[in-house]
Amino acid sequence: MGSLDFYVEFNIEVPNIGEEFTLQAEQRLRDLTSDHSDLLGAAVSLENLVKAKTPHRFQVRIVVYKRPENMAVVEKGPEPMSTLRNALDAIEKNVRESRKKLMQVDPHRVEDFKTISDELSAEEVYMTYIEDIEPEELLRHGRTKLASSLMLKEGLNQDAAYFAADQILRIAQEKIDSR
């Protein structure tokens, strides 16, 4: 996915905010998509926290729609542009830390795919990772959401998570078909 597929939505509740605000926000958020496909879009809001003729307290909220989990930051400050820059700095830091954490190689995780694919049957994979979730609900979640959940909750690497998700969905469909 390139930055062309990345969409930024704005909700600006402060009058007379220049185009510089939206341009800076959009450019810095698009820069985060360079060479990555985990970011899907973002929402940026600006509001005046003090309802007076001369506002002196602003809030910027940025939500980044990111796989496997969305992120948000809220910054407050006396001036819209500096508050925006602080919020952008914070979200950039959070996204980079999240990516770094997902890229770290845990020696136990390296063997996940080999262990799951070589040693467990599809039924065993299903019983290992699925607690009390109905097969219909699993099928509604779909492969990507299920794999993302397995990566986050079970610490599986991407290959192992997608393999496990395929096996789980296969068994879920078989359970439905056998009714």
N, C-alpha and C. Protein backbone atom coordinates (compact mmCIF):
# COMPACT_ATOMS: atom_id res chain seq x y z
N MET A 1 0.85 -1.17 0.00
CA MET A 1 0.00 0.00 0.00
C MET A 1 0.89 1.23 0.00
N GLY A 2 0.58 2.16 -0.84
CA GLY A 2 1.33 3.39 -0.86
C GLY A 2 0.59 4.49 -0.15
N SER A 3 1.22 5.65 -0.09
CA SER A 3 0.59 6.76 0.61
C SER A 3 -0.65 7.27 -0.13
N LEU A 4 -0.82 6.90 -1.41
CA LEU A 4 -2.01 7.31 -2.14
C LEU A 4 -3.27 6.66 -1.59
N ASP A 5 -3.14 5.46 -1.01
CA ASP A 5 -4.28 4.75 -0.43
C ASP A 5 -4.60 5.21 0.99
N PHE A 6 -3.75 6.04 1.54
CA PHE A 6 -3.88 6.50 2.92
C PHE A 6 -4.78 7.74 2.94
N TYR A 7 -5.82 7.71 3.75
CA TYR A 7 -6.78 8.81 3.81
C TYR A 7 -6.75 9.46 5.19
N VAL A 8 -6.73 10.80 5.21
CA VAL A 8 -6.76 11.53 6.47
C VAL A 8 -8.06 12.34 6.52
N GLU A 9 -8.79 12.16 7.60
CA GLU A 9 -10.05 12.87 7.82
C GLU A 9 -9.81 13.95 8.88
N PHE A 10 -10.36 15.12 8.64
CA PHE A 10 -10.19 16.23 9.57
C PHE A 10 -11.52 16.67 10.16
N ASN A 11 -11.48 17.03 11.45
CA ASN A 11 -12.62 17.62 12.14
C ASN A 11 -12.07 18.83 12.90
N ILE A 12 -12.19 19.98 12.27
CA ILE A 12 -11.63 21.20 12.85
C ILE A 12 -12.78 22.08 13.34
N GLU A 13 -12.82 22.26 14.66
CA GLU A 13 -13.91 23.03 15.28
C GLU A 13 -13.44 24.42 15.71
N VAL A 14 -12.34 24.87 15.14
CA VAL A 14 -11.79 26.18 15.47
C VAL A 14 -11.81 27.03 14.21
N PRO A 15 -12.44 28.21 14.26
CA PRO A 15 -12.50 29.05 13.06
C PRO A 15 -11.12 29.65 12.74
N ASN A 16 -10.95 30.02 11.50
CA ASN A 16 -9.77 30.73 11.01
C ASN A 16 -8.48 29.95 11.15
N ILE A 17 -8.56 28.64 11.03
CA ILE A 17 -7.34 27.83 11.03
C ILE A 17 -6.89 27.73 9.59
N GLY A 18 -5.65 28.07 9.36
CA GLY A 18 -5.12 28.09 8.01
C GLY A 18 -4.91 26.70 7.44
N GLU A 19 -4.68 26.68 6.14
CA GLU A 19 -4.45 25.44 5.42
C GLU A 19 -3.15 24.76 5.89
N GLU A 20 -2.27 25.54 6.47
CA GLU A 20 -0.99 25.00 6.97
C GLU A 20 -1.23 23.86 7.96
N PHE A 21 -2.26 23.98 8.78
CA PHE A 21 -2.58 22.95 9.78
C PHE A 21 -2.85 21.61 9.10
N THR A 22 -3.77 21.60 8.13
CA THR A 22 -4.12 20.33 7.47
C THR A 22 -2.97 19.81 6.61
N LEU A 23 -2.26 20.71 5.94
CA LEU A 23 -1.14 20.28 5.10
C LEU A 23 -0.04 19.62 5.92
N GLN A 24 0.31 20.25 7.04
CA GLN A 24 1.37 19.69 7.88
C GLN A 24 0.95 18.34 8.46
N ALA A 25 -0.27 18.27 8.94
CA ALA A 25 -0.76 17.01 9.52
C ALA A 25 -0.76 15.90 8.46
N GLU A 26 -1.33 16.19 7.31
CA GLU A 26 -1.42 15.17 6.27
C GLU A 26 -0.04 14.74 5.79
N GLN A 27 0.87 15.67 5.58
CA GLN A 27 2.21 15.32 5.09
C GLN A 27 2.97 14.45 6.09
N ARG A 28 2.94 14.82 7.34
CA ARG A 28 3.69 14.03 8.33
C ARG A 28 3.08 12.65 8.52
N LEU A 29 1.77 12.56 8.47
CA LEU A 29 1.13 11.25 8.60
C LEU A 29 1.40 10.39 7.37
N ARG A 30 1.38 10.99 6.18
CA ARG A 30 1.70 10.24 4.96
C ARG A 30 3.15 9.77 4.97
N ASP A 31 4.06 10.57 5.54
CA ASP A 31 5.46 10.16 5.63
C ASP A 31 5.62 8.86 6.41
N LEU A 32 4.71 8.61 7.37
CA LEU A 32 4.76 7.37 8.14
C LEU A 32 4.41 6.14 7.29
N THR A 33 3.73 6.35 6.17
CA THR A 33 3.34 5.22 5.32
C THR A 33 4.46 4.79 4.38
N SER A 34 5.48 5.59 4.25
CA SER A 34 6.58 5.28 3.35
C SER A 34 7.19 3.92 3.68
N ASP A 35 7.18 3.02 2.70
CA ASP A 35 7.75 1.67 2.85
C ASP A 35 7.03 0.81 3.88
N HIS A 36 5.79 1.14 4.21
CA HIS A 36 5.02 0.34 5.18
C HIS A 36 3.59 0.18 4.67
N SER A 37 2.97 -0.90 5.07
CA SER A 37 1.58 -1.14 4.66
C SER A 37 0.66 -1.31 5.86
N ASP A 38 1.14 -0.96 7.05
CA ASP A 38 0.34 -1.16 8.25
C ASP A 38 -0.63 -0.02 8.54
N LEU A 39 -0.43 1.14 7.91
CA LEU A 39 -1.30 2.29 8.16
C LEU A 39 -2.37 2.38 7.08
N LEU A 40 -3.61 2.49 7.52
CA LEU A 40 -4.74 2.53 6.60
C LEU A 40 -5.31 3.93 6.45
N GLY A 41 -5.22 4.74 7.48
CA GLY A 41 -5.78 6.08 7.45
C GLY A 41 -5.62 6.73 8.80
N ALA A 42 -6.14 7.97 8.89
CA ALA A 42 -6.03 8.69 10.15
C ALA A 42 -7.17 9.69 10.26
N ALA A 43 -7.41 10.11 11.49
CA ALA A 43 -8.38 11.18 11.77
C ALA A 43 -7.69 12.19 12.68
N VAL A 44 -7.84 13.46 12.34
CA VAL A 44 -7.23 14.53 13.11
C VAL A 44 -8.33 15.50 13.51
N SER A 45 -8.39 15.82 14.79
CA SER A 45 -9.39 16.80 15.23
C SER A 45 -8.70 17.92 16.01
N LEU A 46 -9.27 19.09 15.89
CA LEU A 46 -8.79 20.27 16.62
C LEU A 46 -10.01 20.92 17.24
N GLU A 47 -9.92 21.16 18.53
CA GLU A 47 -11.04 21.85 19.19
C GLU A 47 -10.51 22.85 20.20
N ASN A 48 -11.34 23.84 20.44
CA ASN A 48 -11.05 24.87 21.42
C ASN A 48 -11.62 24.40 22.75
N LEU A 49 -10.78 24.25 23.75
CA LEU A 49 -11.26 23.77 25.05
C LEU A 49 -11.87 24.88 25.89
N VAL A 50 -11.52 26.12 25.59
CA VAL A 50 -12.06 27.26 26.33
C VAL A 50 -12.99 28.02 25.39
N LYS A 51 -14.25 28.04 25.73
CA LYS A 51 -15.25 28.67 24.87
C LYS A 51 -15.34 30.17 25.20
N ALA A 52 -14.33 30.88 24.72
CA ALA A 52 -14.29 32.33 24.95
C ALA A 52 -13.94 33.00 23.63
N LYS A 53 -14.08 34.33 23.59
CA LYS A 53 -13.76 35.06 22.36
C LYS A 53 -12.28 34.96 22.01
N THR A 54 -11.45 34.88 23.02
CA THR A 54 -10.01 34.73 22.80
C THR A 54 -9.59 33.38 23.37
N PRO A 55 -9.60 32.35 22.54
CA PRO A 55 -9.25 31.03 23.04
C PRO A 55 -7.77 30.96 23.42
N HIS A 56 -7.49 30.18 24.44
CA HIS A 56 -6.10 30.02 24.84
C HIS A 56 -5.78 28.59 25.25
N ARG A 57 -6.64 27.66 24.88
CA ARG A 57 -6.38 26.24 25.19
C ARG A 57 -7.00 25.40 24.08
N PHE A 58 -6.15 24.66 23.37
CA PHE A 58 -6.60 23.83 22.25
C PHE A 58 -6.27 22.37 22.52
N GLN A 59 -7.04 21.51 21.87
CA GLN A 59 -6.79 20.08 21.96
C GLN A 59 -6.71 19.51 20.55
N VAL A 60 -5.65 18.75 20.30
CA VAL A 60 -5.50 18.03 19.04
C VAL A 60 -5.53 16.54 19.37
N ARG A 61 -6.39 15.84 18.64
CA ARG A 61 -6.49 14.38 18.80
C ARG A 61 -6.16 13.77 17.45
N ILE A 62 -5.26 12.78 17.45
CA ILE A 62 -4.92 12.07 16.22
C ILE A 62 -5.15 10.58 16.47
N VAL A 63 -5.94 9.98 15.60
CA VAL A 63 -6.15 8.54 15.62
C VAL A 63 -5.56 7.99 14.33
N VAL A 64 -4.71 6.99 14.45
CA VAL A 64 -4.13 6.34 13.28
C VAL A 64 -4.72 4.94 13.19
N TYR A 65 -5.31 4.66 12.03
CA TYR A 65 -5.89 3.34 11.79
C TYR A 65 -4.76 2.45 11.27
N LYS A 66 -4.30 1.58 12.17
CA LYS A 66 -3.08 0.81 11.95
C LYS A 66 -3.32 -0.65 12.26
N ARG A 67 -2.72 -1.52 11.44
CA ARG A 67 -2.77 -2.94 11.75
C ARG A 67 -1.57 -3.28 12.62
N PRO A 68 -1.64 -4.10 13.59
CA PRO A 68 -2.82 -4.85 14.00
C PRO A 68 -3.71 -4.11 15.00
N GLU A 69 -3.32 -2.91 15.43
CA GLU A 69 -4.12 -2.20 16.42
C GLU A 69 -4.03 -0.69 16.19
N ASN A 70 -5.18 -0.02 16.23
CA ASN A 70 -5.22 1.44 16.06
C ASN A 70 -4.52 2.13 17.22
N MET A 71 -4.08 3.37 16.97
CA MET A 71 -3.40 4.15 18.01
C MET A 71 -4.00 5.55 18.04
N ALA A 72 -3.93 6.18 19.21
CA ALA A 72 -4.44 7.53 19.35
C ALA A 72 -3.57 8.32 20.33
N VAL A 73 -3.50 9.63 20.08
CA VAL A 73 -2.84 10.54 21.02
C VAL A 73 -3.70 11.79 21.15
N VAL A 74 -3.61 12.41 22.30
CA VAL A 74 -4.30 13.67 22.57
C VAL A 74 -3.28 14.61 23.18
N GLU A 75 -3.18 15.80 22.60
CA GLU A 75 -2.28 16.82 23.12
C GLU A 75 -3.07 18.10 23.34
N LYS A 76 -2.72 18.83 24.40
CA LYS A 76 -3.37 20.11 24.70
C LYS A 76 -2.30 21.18 24.77
N GLY A 77 -2.65 22.37 24.29
CA GLY A 77 -1.68 23.45 24.32
C GLY A 77 -2.30 24.79 24.02
N PRO A 78 -1.49 25.86 24.13
CA PRO A 78 -2.00 27.22 23.98
C PRO A 78 -2.14 27.69 22.54
N GLU A 79 -1.60 26.94 21.58
CA GLU A 79 -1.60 27.39 20.18
C GLU A 79 -1.81 26.18 19.28
N PRO A 80 -2.68 26.27 18.26
CA PRO A 80 -3.01 25.10 17.44
C PRO A 80 -1.82 24.43 16.75
N MET A 81 -0.94 25.20 16.14
CA MET A 81 0.16 24.59 15.37
C MET A 81 1.17 23.88 16.27
N SER A 82 1.53 24.49 17.38
CA SER A 82 2.50 23.82 18.27
C SER A 82 1.87 22.58 18.90
N THR A 83 0.59 22.64 19.18
CA THR A 83 -0.12 21.48 19.74
C THR A 83 -0.18 20.36 18.71
N LEU A 84 -0.43 20.73 17.45
CA LEU A 84 -0.42 19.75 16.37
C LEU A 84 0.95 19.10 16.25
N ARG A 85 2.01 19.89 16.25
CA ARG A 85 3.36 19.34 16.13
C ARG A 85 3.67 18.37 17.28
N ASN A 86 3.26 18.72 18.49
CA ASN A 86 3.47 17.82 19.64
C ASN A 86 2.70 16.51 19.46
N ALA A 87 1.47 16.61 18.97
CA ALA A 87 0.65 15.41 18.75
C ALA A 87 1.26 14.54 17.64
N LEU A 88 1.73 15.17 16.58
CA LEU A 88 2.37 14.42 15.49
C LEU A 88 3.65 13.74 15.96
N ASP A 89 4.45 14.45 16.76
CA ASP A 89 5.66 13.84 17.32
C ASP A 89 5.31 12.60 18.14
N ALA A 90 4.27 12.71 18.95
CA ALA A 90 3.87 11.60 19.82
C ALA A 90 3.36 10.41 19.01
N ILE A 91 2.53 10.66 18.00
CA ILE A 91 1.98 9.54 17.22
C ILE A 91 3.08 8.88 16.40
N GLU A 92 4.00 9.68 15.86
CA GLU A 92 5.12 9.11 15.10
C GLU A 92 5.96 8.20 16.00
N LYS A 93 6.23 8.66 17.20
CA LYS A 93 7.02 7.87 18.15
C LYS A 93 6.30 6.55 18.47
N ASN A 94 4.99 6.62 18.73
CA ASN A 94 4.21 5.43 19.06
C ASN A 94 4.19 4.43 17.90
N VAL A 95 4.01 4.93 16.68
CA VAL A 95 3.97 4.05 15.50
C VAL A 95 5.32 3.37 15.32
N ARG A 96 6.39 4.13 15.42
CA ARG A 96 7.74 3.55 15.25
C ARG A 96 8.05 2.51 16.34
N GLU A 97 7.67 2.80 17.57
CA GLU A 97 7.90 1.84 18.66
C GLU A 97 7.09 0.57 18.44
N SER A 98 5.86 0.73 17.97
CA SER A 98 5.01 -0.43 17.69
C SER A 98 5.62 -1.29 16.59
N ARG A 99 6.10 -0.65 15.54
CA ARG A 99 6.74 -1.39 14.45
C ARG A 99 8.00 -2.10 14.93
N LYS A 100 8.78 -1.40 15.73
CA LYS A 100 10.01 -2.00 16.25
C LYS A 100 9.70 -3.22 17.10
N LYS A 101 8.69 -3.11 17.93
CA LYS A 101 8.30 -4.22 18.81
C LYS A 101 7.84 -5.43 17.98
N LEU A 102 7.06 -5.17 16.93
CA LEU A 102 6.58 -6.26 16.09
C LEU A 102 7.70 -6.91 15.29
N MET A 103 8.77 -6.18 15.03
CA MET A 103 9.89 -6.71 14.26
C MET A 103 10.90 -7.48 15.11
N GLN A 104 10.84 -7.30 16.41
CA GLN A 104 11.80 -8.00 17.27
C GLN A 104 11.61 -9.50 17.15
N VAL A 105 12.72 -10.18 17.04
CA VAL A 105 12.68 -11.63 16.90
C VAL A 105 12.84 -12.27 18.26
N ASP A 106 11.85 -12.99 18.64
CA ASP A 106 11.88 -13.76 19.87
C ASP A 106 12.24 -15.19 19.48
N PRO A 107 13.29 -15.77 20.05
CA PRO A 107 13.70 -17.12 19.64
C PRO A 107 12.58 -18.15 19.72
N HIS A 108 11.66 -17.96 20.65
CA HIS A 108 10.55 -18.91 20.78
C HIS A 108 9.57 -18.75 19.62
N ARG A 109 9.42 -17.53 19.12
CA ARG A 109 8.47 -17.27 18.04
C ARG A 109 8.98 -17.75 16.69
N VAL A 110 10.30 -17.82 16.51
CA VAL A 110 10.86 -18.24 15.24
C VAL A 110 10.41 -19.65 14.88
N GLU A 111 10.25 -20.48 15.89
CA GLU A 111 9.88 -21.87 15.68
C GLU A 111 8.36 -22.08 15.62
N ASP A 112 7.57 -21.01 15.84
CA ASP A 112 6.12 -21.16 15.89
C ASP A 112 5.54 -21.82 14.64
N PHE A 113 5.92 -21.30 13.47
CA PHE A 113 5.33 -21.81 12.24
C PHE A 113 5.69 -23.28 12.05
N LYS A 114 6.97 -23.60 12.26
CA LYS A 114 7.41 -24.99 12.11
C LYS A 114 6.66 -25.90 13.08
N THR A 115 6.52 -25.48 14.32
CA THR A 115 5.83 -26.28 15.32
C THR A 115 4.36 -26.46 14.96
N ILE A 116 3.70 -25.37 14.62
CA ILE A 116 2.27 -25.45 14.32
C ILE A 116 2.02 -26.28 13.08
N SER A 117 2.80 -26.05 12.02
CA SER A 117 2.53 -26.74 10.77
C SER A 117 2.97 -28.20 10.79
N ASP A 118 4.03 -28.51 11.53
CA ASP A 118 4.55 -29.88 11.54
C ASP A 118 3.96 -30.77 12.63
N GLU A 119 3.58 -30.19 13.74
CA GLU A 119 3.23 -31.01 14.90
C GLU A 119 1.75 -31.01 15.28
N LEU A 120 0.99 -30.02 14.83
CA LEU A 120 -0.41 -29.94 15.24
C LEU A 120 -1.35 -30.17 14.06
N SER A 121 -2.38 -30.95 14.30
CA SER A 121 -3.42 -31.11 13.28
C SER A 121 -4.29 -29.86 13.30
N ALA A 122 -5.11 -29.70 12.28
CA ALA A 122 -6.01 -28.54 12.22
C ALA A 122 -6.92 -28.50 13.45
N GLU A 123 -7.41 -29.65 13.87
CA GLU A 123 -8.28 -29.72 15.05
C GLU A 123 -7.52 -29.29 16.30
N GLU A 124 -6.25 -29.70 16.42
CA GLU A 124 -5.44 -29.32 17.58
C GLU A 124 -5.15 -27.82 17.58
N VAL A 125 -4.92 -27.25 16.40
CA VAL A 125 -4.72 -25.79 16.31
C VAL A 125 -5.97 -25.09 16.79
N TYR A 126 -7.12 -25.56 16.33
CA TYR A 126 -8.41 -24.98 16.72
C TYR A 126 -8.58 -25.03 18.24
N MET A 127 -8.34 -26.18 18.82
CA MET A 127 -8.53 -26.35 20.26
C MET A 127 -7.50 -25.56 21.07
N THR A 128 -6.31 -25.36 20.52
CA THR A 128 -5.26 -24.64 21.23
C THR A 128 -5.56 -23.14 21.33
N TYR A 129 -6.07 -22.55 20.26
CA TYR A 129 -6.18 -21.10 20.22
C TYR A 129 -7.60 -20.55 20.35
N ILE A 130 -8.59 -21.38 20.21
CA ILE A 130 -9.97 -20.89 20.27
C ILE A 130 -10.61 -21.36 21.55
N GLU A 131 -11.06 -20.39 22.31
CA GLU A 131 -11.72 -20.74 23.57
C GLU A 131 -13.21 -20.92 23.32
N ASP A 132 -14.05 -20.13 23.80
CA ASP A 132 -15.49 -20.35 23.66
C ASP A 132 -16.08 -19.44 22.58
N ILE A 133 -15.51 -19.47 21.40
CA ILE A 133 -16.02 -18.65 20.30
C ILE A 133 -16.77 -19.55 19.33
N GLU A 134 -17.97 -19.14 18.98
CA GLU A 134 -18.79 -19.91 18.07
C GLU A 134 -18.18 -19.90 16.67
N PRO A 135 -18.30 -21.01 15.94
CA PRO A 135 -17.73 -21.08 14.58
C PRO A 135 -18.24 -19.97 13.65
N GLU A 136 -19.51 -19.61 13.78
CA GLU A 136 -20.06 -18.55 12.93
C GLU A 136 -19.36 -17.22 13.19
N GLU A 137 -19.07 -16.96 14.44
CA GLU A 137 -18.38 -15.71 14.79
C GLU A 137 -16.96 -15.71 14.22
N LEU A 138 -16.29 -16.84 14.28
CA LEU A 138 -14.94 -16.94 13.70
C LEU A 138 -14.96 -16.63 12.21
N LEU A 139 -15.94 -17.19 11.52
CA LEU A 139 -16.04 -16.94 10.08
C LEU A 139 -16.36 -15.48 9.78
N ARG A 140 -17.13 -14.83 10.64
CA ARG A 140 -17.42 -13.41 10.46
C ARG A 140 -16.16 -12.56 10.64
N HIS A 141 -15.31 -12.96 11.59
CA HIS A 141 -14.07 -12.21 11.82
C HIS A 141 -13.18 -12.25 10.59
N GLY A 142 -13.08 -13.40 9.98
CA GLY A 142 -12.25 -13.55 8.79
C GLY A 142 -10.80 -13.81 9.12
N ARG A 143 -10.06 -14.12 8.08
CA ARG A 143 -8.67 -14.56 8.20
C ARG A 143 -7.75 -13.49 8.77
N THR A 144 -7.81 -12.27 8.25
CA THR A 144 -6.88 -11.22 8.66
C THR A 144 -7.10 -10.83 10.11
N LYS A 145 -8.35 -10.63 10.51
CA LYS A 145 -8.63 -10.25 11.89
C LYS A 145 -8.22 -11.36 12.85
N LEU A 146 -8.48 -12.59 12.48
CA LEU A 146 -8.12 -13.72 13.32
C LEU A 146 -6.59 -13.83 13.44
N ALA A 147 -5.89 -13.69 12.32
CA ALA A 147 -4.41 -13.77 12.35
C ALA A 147 -3.84 -12.62 13.18
N SER A 148 -4.38 -11.42 13.03
CA SER A 148 -3.91 -10.29 13.83
C SER A 148 -4.10 -10.56 15.31
N SER A 149 -5.23 -11.11 15.66
CA SER A 149 -5.51 -11.45 17.06
C SER A 149 -4.51 -12.49 17.58
N LEU A 150 -4.20 -13.47 16.77
CA LEU A 150 -3.24 -14.50 17.18
C LEU A 150 -1.84 -13.92 17.35
N MET A 151 -1.49 -12.95 16.51
CA MET A 151 -0.18 -12.30 16.65
C MET A 151 -0.11 -11.51 17.96
N LEU A 152 -1.19 -10.79 18.26
CA LEU A 152 -1.19 -9.96 19.46
C LEU A 152 -1.34 -10.77 20.74
N LYS A 153 -2.34 -11.62 20.77
CA LYS A 153 -2.66 -12.33 22.02
C LYS A 153 -1.78 -13.54 22.27
N GLU A 154 -1.39 -14.22 21.20
CA GLU A 154 -0.62 -15.45 21.38
C GLU A 154 0.86 -15.27 21.06
N GLY A 155 1.22 -14.11 20.49
CA GLY A 155 2.62 -13.84 20.17
C GLY A 155 3.14 -14.62 18.98
N LEU A 156 2.24 -15.08 18.11
CA LEU A 156 2.69 -15.83 16.93
C LEU A 156 3.30 -14.89 15.91
N ASN A 157 4.27 -15.40 15.14
CA ASN A 157 4.78 -14.59 14.04
C ASN A 157 3.75 -14.60 12.92
N GLN A 158 3.95 -13.78 11.91
CA GLN A 158 2.94 -13.60 10.88
C GLN A 158 2.63 -14.91 10.14
N ASP A 159 3.66 -15.65 9.73
CA ASP A 159 3.42 -16.90 9.01
C ASP A 159 2.63 -17.90 9.86
N ALA A 160 3.02 -18.04 11.10
CA ALA A 160 2.34 -18.98 11.98
C ALA A 160 0.90 -18.54 12.24
N ALA A 161 0.69 -17.24 12.41
CA ALA A 161 -0.65 -16.73 12.70
C ALA A 161 -1.59 -16.97 11.51
N TYR A 162 -1.11 -16.70 10.30
CA TYR A 162 -1.98 -16.92 9.13
C TYR A 162 -2.22 -18.41 8.88
N PHE A 163 -1.21 -19.23 9.11
CA PHE A 163 -1.41 -20.67 8.97
C PHE A 163 -2.44 -21.14 9.99
N ALA A 164 -2.29 -20.72 11.24
CA ALA A 164 -3.23 -21.11 12.29
C ALA A 164 -4.63 -20.60 11.97
N ALA A 165 -4.74 -19.37 11.50
CA ALA A 165 -6.04 -18.81 11.14
C ALA A 165 -6.71 -19.65 10.06
N ASP A 166 -5.94 -20.07 9.05
CA ASP A 166 -6.50 -20.91 7.99
C ASP A 166 -7.03 -22.22 8.55
N GLN A 167 -6.27 -22.83 9.44
CA GLN A 167 -6.68 -24.10 10.04
C GLN A 167 -7.93 -23.92 10.90
N ILE A 168 -7.95 -22.85 11.67
CA ILE A 168 -9.09 -22.57 12.55
C ILE A 168 -10.35 -22.34 11.73
N LEU A 169 -10.24 -21.55 10.67
CA LEU A 169 -11.41 -21.27 9.82
C LEU A 169 -11.88 -22.55 9.12
N ARG A 170 -10.96 -23.41 8.73
CA ARG A 170 -11.33 -24.68 8.10
C ARG A 170 -12.15 -25.53 9.06
N ILE A 171 -11.69 -25.65 10.30
CA ILE A 171 -12.41 -26.44 11.30
C ILE A 171 -13.75 -25.79 11.64
N ALA A 172 -13.78 -24.47 11.74
CA ALA A 172 -15.03 -23.76 12.03
C ALA A 172 -16.06 -24.06 10.94
N GLN A 173 -15.63 -24.03 9.69
CA GLN A 173 -16.56 -24.32 8.58
C GLN A 173 -17.02 -25.77 8.64
N GLU A 174 -16.11 -26.68 8.96
CA GLU A 174 -16.49 -28.08 9.08
C GLU A 174 -17.52 -28.28 10.20
N LYS A 175 -17.36 -27.57 11.30
CA LYS A 175 -18.30 -27.68 12.42
C LYS A 175 -19.69 -27.19 12.00
N ILE A 176 -19.72 -26.12 11.23
CA ILE A 176 -21.01 -25.60 10.74
C ILE A 176 -21.64 -26.57 9.76
N ASP A 177 -20.84 -27.09 8.84
CA ASP A 177 -21.35 -28.01 7.83
C ASP A 177 -21.87 -29.33 8.41
N SER A 178 -21.31 -29.76 9.56
CA SER A 178 -21.71 -31.03 10.15
C SER A 178 -22.97 -30.94 11.00
N ARG A 179 -23.50 -29.76 11.15
CA ARG A 179 -24.72 -29.60 11.97
C ARG A 179 -25.95 -30.06 11.25
